């Protein structure tokens, strides 16, 4: 079952409240998205740790309801 981009954004913001989230449906099928997430919570973390935070926010939906997510994360620009 495909996921709605709004649901993905909401799940991320529930776990990372200050996140600025941009979601793009890459194929129009609700299964392949690109997400850009910026949050102060990412400061001092490796890229892998940042991505792990986002995947945790998706509560197991990756690989099930959400087939593919091209993820870019970053702390806010100073």
N, C-alpha and C. Protein backbone atom coordinates (compact mmCIF):
# COMPACT_ATOMS: atom_id res chain seq x y z
N UNK A 1 0.85 -1.18 0.00
CA UNK A 1 0.00 0.00 0.00
C UNK A 1 0.89 1.24 0.00
N UNK A 2 0.74 2.12 -0.97
CA UNK A 2 1.56 3.33 -1.06
C UNK A 2 1.35 4.26 0.14
N UNK A 3 2.36 5.08 0.41
CA UNK A 3 2.28 6.09 1.46
C UNK A 3 2.09 7.46 0.84
N UNK A 4 1.41 8.31 1.54
CA UNK A 4 1.23 9.70 1.13
C UNK A 4 2.42 10.52 1.61
N UNK A 5 2.87 11.46 0.78
CA UNK A 5 4.00 12.31 1.14
C UNK A 5 3.73 13.07 2.44
N UNK A 6 2.51 13.48 2.65
CA UNK A 6 2.14 14.19 3.88
C UNK A 6 2.32 13.33 5.11
N UNK A 7 2.03 12.03 4.98
CA UNK A 7 2.21 11.10 6.10
C UNK A 7 3.68 10.96 6.45
N UNK A 8 4.53 10.88 5.42
CA UNK A 8 5.97 10.77 5.65
C UNK A 8 6.47 12.01 6.38
N UNK A 9 6.07 13.18 5.90
CA UNK A 9 6.48 14.44 6.54
C UNK A 9 6.02 14.50 7.99
N UNK A 10 4.78 14.12 8.24
CA UNK A 10 4.23 14.17 9.60
C UNK A 10 4.99 13.24 10.53
N UNK A 11 5.29 12.03 10.08
CA UNK A 11 6.02 11.08 10.92
C UNK A 11 7.40 11.61 11.28
N UNK A 12 8.07 12.22 10.32
CA UNK A 12 9.40 12.78 10.59
C UNK A 12 9.29 13.93 11.59
N UNK A 13 8.32 14.82 11.40
CA UNK A 13 8.17 15.98 12.29
C UNK A 13 7.72 15.58 13.69
N UNK A 14 7.02 14.48 13.83
CA UNK A 14 6.63 14.02 15.16
C UNK A 14 7.85 13.61 15.98
N UNK A 15 8.85 13.03 15.32
CA UNK A 15 10.06 12.57 16.00
C UNK A 15 11.14 13.65 16.05
N UNK A 16 11.19 14.49 15.01
CA UNK A 16 12.20 15.56 14.92
C UNK A 16 11.42 16.87 14.73
N UNK A 17 10.91 17.44 15.83
CA UNK A 17 9.96 18.56 15.74
C UNK A 17 10.43 19.78 14.95
N UNK A 18 11.72 20.10 15.00
CA UNK A 18 12.17 21.31 14.29
C UNK A 18 12.54 21.04 12.83
N UNK A 19 12.30 19.83 12.37
CA UNK A 19 12.72 19.45 11.01
C UNK A 19 12.00 20.27 9.94
N UNK A 20 12.78 20.68 8.97
CA UNK A 20 12.24 21.26 7.74
C UNK A 20 12.30 20.13 6.72
N UNK A 21 11.14 19.70 6.25
CA UNK A 21 11.05 18.50 5.42
C UNK A 21 10.50 18.84 4.05
N UNK A 22 11.20 18.40 3.01
CA UNK A 22 10.71 18.53 1.64
C UNK A 22 10.63 17.12 1.06
N UNK A 23 9.45 16.75 0.58
CA UNK A 23 9.23 15.41 0.03
C UNK A 23 8.87 15.54 -1.44
N UNK A 24 9.46 14.69 -2.26
CA UNK A 24 9.16 14.66 -3.69
C UNK A 24 8.83 13.22 -4.08
N UNK A 25 7.68 13.02 -4.73
CA UNK A 25 7.31 11.71 -5.25
C UNK A 25 8.01 11.53 -6.58
N UNK A 26 8.98 10.63 -6.63
CA UNK A 26 9.83 10.50 -7.81
C UNK A 26 9.15 9.87 -9.01
N UNK A 27 8.18 8.98 -8.77
CA UNK A 27 7.54 8.28 -9.88
C UNK A 27 6.03 8.48 -9.94
N UNK A 28 5.49 9.16 -8.97
CA UNK A 28 4.04 9.36 -8.94
C UNK A 28 3.28 8.12 -8.49
N UNK A 29 4.01 7.16 -7.90
CA UNK A 29 3.37 5.91 -7.51
C UNK A 29 3.19 5.76 -5.99
N UNK A 30 3.64 6.74 -5.21
CA UNK A 30 3.52 6.66 -3.76
C UNK A 30 4.46 5.66 -3.11
N UNK A 31 5.40 5.13 -3.87
CA UNK A 31 6.35 4.16 -3.34
C UNK A 31 7.80 4.62 -3.42
N UNK A 32 8.08 5.61 -4.25
CA UNK A 32 9.45 6.07 -4.49
C UNK A 32 9.52 7.58 -4.23
N UNK A 33 10.15 7.94 -3.12
CA UNK A 33 10.22 9.34 -2.72
C UNK A 33 11.66 9.79 -2.55
N UNK A 34 11.85 11.09 -2.63
CA UNK A 34 13.09 11.75 -2.22
C UNK A 34 12.71 12.67 -1.06
N UNK A 35 13.53 12.70 -0.04
CA UNK A 35 13.27 13.57 1.11
C UNK A 35 14.53 14.34 1.44
N UNK A 36 14.34 15.63 1.72
CA UNK A 36 15.42 16.48 2.20
C UNK A 36 14.99 16.95 3.58
N UNK A 37 15.79 16.63 4.59
CA UNK A 37 15.43 16.94 5.97
C UNK A 37 16.56 17.76 6.61
N UNK A 38 16.20 18.93 7.13
CA UNK A 38 17.15 19.81 7.81
C UNK A 38 16.68 19.97 9.25
N UNK A 39 17.59 19.72 10.20
CA UNK A 39 17.23 19.84 11.61
C UNK A 39 18.45 20.15 12.45
N UNK A 40 18.26 20.95 13.48
CA UNK A 40 19.35 21.23 14.42
C UNK A 40 19.71 19.97 15.20
N UNK A 41 18.81 19.00 15.25
CA UNK A 41 19.10 17.74 15.93
C UNK A 41 20.23 16.97 15.26
N UNK A 42 20.55 17.32 14.02
CA UNK A 42 21.60 16.63 13.26
C UNK A 42 23.00 17.18 13.55
N UNK A 43 23.08 18.31 14.26
CA UNK A 43 24.39 18.91 14.54
C UNK A 43 25.29 17.93 15.27
N UNK A 44 26.51 17.77 14.77
CA UNK A 44 27.49 16.90 15.40
C UNK A 44 27.33 15.42 15.10
N UNK A 45 26.30 15.07 14.33
CA UNK A 45 26.07 13.66 13.99
C UNK A 45 26.62 13.36 12.61
N UNK A 46 27.05 12.13 12.42
CA UNK A 46 27.48 11.69 11.09
C UNK A 46 26.25 11.58 10.18
N UNK A 47 26.49 11.52 8.90
CA UNK A 47 25.39 11.37 7.94
C UNK A 47 24.61 10.08 8.22
N UNK A 48 25.32 9.02 8.57
CA UNK A 48 24.67 7.74 8.88
C UNK A 48 23.74 7.91 10.09
N UNK A 49 24.21 8.58 11.13
CA UNK A 49 23.39 8.80 12.31
C UNK A 49 22.16 9.65 12.00
N UNK A 50 22.34 10.65 11.14
CA UNK A 50 21.21 11.49 10.73
C UNK A 50 20.16 10.65 10.01
N UNK A 51 20.61 9.81 9.08
CA UNK A 51 19.68 8.96 8.33
C UNK A 51 18.99 7.97 9.26
N UNK A 52 19.72 7.44 10.23
CA UNK A 52 19.12 6.52 11.18
C UNK A 52 17.99 7.19 11.96
N UNK A 53 18.17 8.45 12.31
CA UNK A 53 17.11 9.19 13.01
C UNK A 53 15.85 9.27 12.16
N UNK A 54 16.02 9.56 10.87
CA UNK A 54 14.86 9.67 9.98
C UNK A 54 14.20 8.31 9.80
N UNK A 55 14.99 7.26 9.59
CA UNK A 55 14.41 5.92 9.43
C UNK A 55 13.66 5.49 10.68
N UNK A 56 14.20 5.83 11.85
CA UNK A 56 13.50 5.52 13.10
C UNK A 56 12.16 6.24 13.16
N UNK A 57 12.13 7.47 12.68
CA UNK A 57 10.89 8.25 12.68
C UNK A 57 9.83 7.60 11.79
N UNK A 58 10.25 6.86 10.80
CA UNK A 58 9.30 6.22 9.88
C UNK A 58 8.74 4.91 10.43
N UNK A 59 9.14 4.54 11.62
CA UNK A 59 8.56 3.44 12.40
C UNK A 59 8.34 2.16 11.59
N UNK A 60 9.37 1.70 10.92
CA UNK A 60 9.29 0.42 10.23
C UNK A 60 8.57 0.43 8.90
N UNK A 61 8.20 1.60 8.40
CA UNK A 61 7.50 1.68 7.11
C UNK A 61 8.42 1.45 5.92
N UNK A 62 9.75 1.70 6.10
CA UNK A 62 10.70 1.50 5.01
C UNK A 62 10.71 0.02 4.61
N UNK A 63 10.65 -0.22 3.30
CA UNK A 63 10.69 -1.58 2.80
C UNK A 63 9.34 -2.26 2.83
N UNK A 64 8.36 -1.63 3.46
CA UNK A 64 7.01 -2.20 3.52
C UNK A 64 6.07 -1.26 2.78
N UNK A 65 5.50 -0.29 3.47
CA UNK A 65 4.62 0.69 2.83
C UNK A 65 5.39 1.66 1.96
N UNK A 66 6.64 1.89 2.31
CA UNK A 66 7.49 2.83 1.59
C UNK A 66 8.64 2.04 0.97
N UNK A 67 8.59 1.88 -0.34
CA UNK A 67 9.56 1.02 -1.03
C UNK A 67 10.95 1.66 -1.12
N UNK A 68 11.03 2.94 -1.49
CA UNK A 68 12.33 3.59 -1.69
C UNK A 68 12.28 5.04 -1.23
N UNK A 69 13.34 5.45 -0.55
CA UNK A 69 13.46 6.84 -0.09
C UNK A 69 14.89 7.31 -0.32
N UNK A 70 15.05 8.22 -1.26
CA UNK A 70 16.35 8.86 -1.48
C UNK A 70 16.43 9.98 -0.44
N UNK A 71 17.33 9.84 0.50
CA UNK A 71 17.35 10.71 1.67
C UNK A 71 18.58 11.61 1.69
N UNK A 72 18.33 12.91 1.90
CA UNK A 72 19.39 13.88 2.14
C UNK A 72 19.09 14.57 3.47
N UNK A 73 20.08 14.63 4.34
CA UNK A 73 19.90 15.26 5.64
C UNK A 73 21.04 16.24 5.88
N UNK A 74 20.76 17.23 6.74
CA UNK A 74 21.79 18.22 7.07
C UNK A 74 21.32 19.04 8.27
N UNK A 75 22.29 19.54 9.06
CA UNK A 75 21.92 20.54 10.07
C UNK A 75 21.69 21.86 9.35
N UNK A 76 21.03 22.81 10.00
CA UNK A 76 20.81 24.11 9.36
C UNK A 76 22.13 24.82 9.06
N UNK A 77 22.14 25.59 8.01
CA UNK A 77 23.33 26.39 7.67
C UNK A 77 23.52 27.44 8.75
N UNK A 78 24.74 27.68 9.11
CA UNK A 78 25.05 28.66 10.16
C UNK A 78 25.03 30.05 9.59
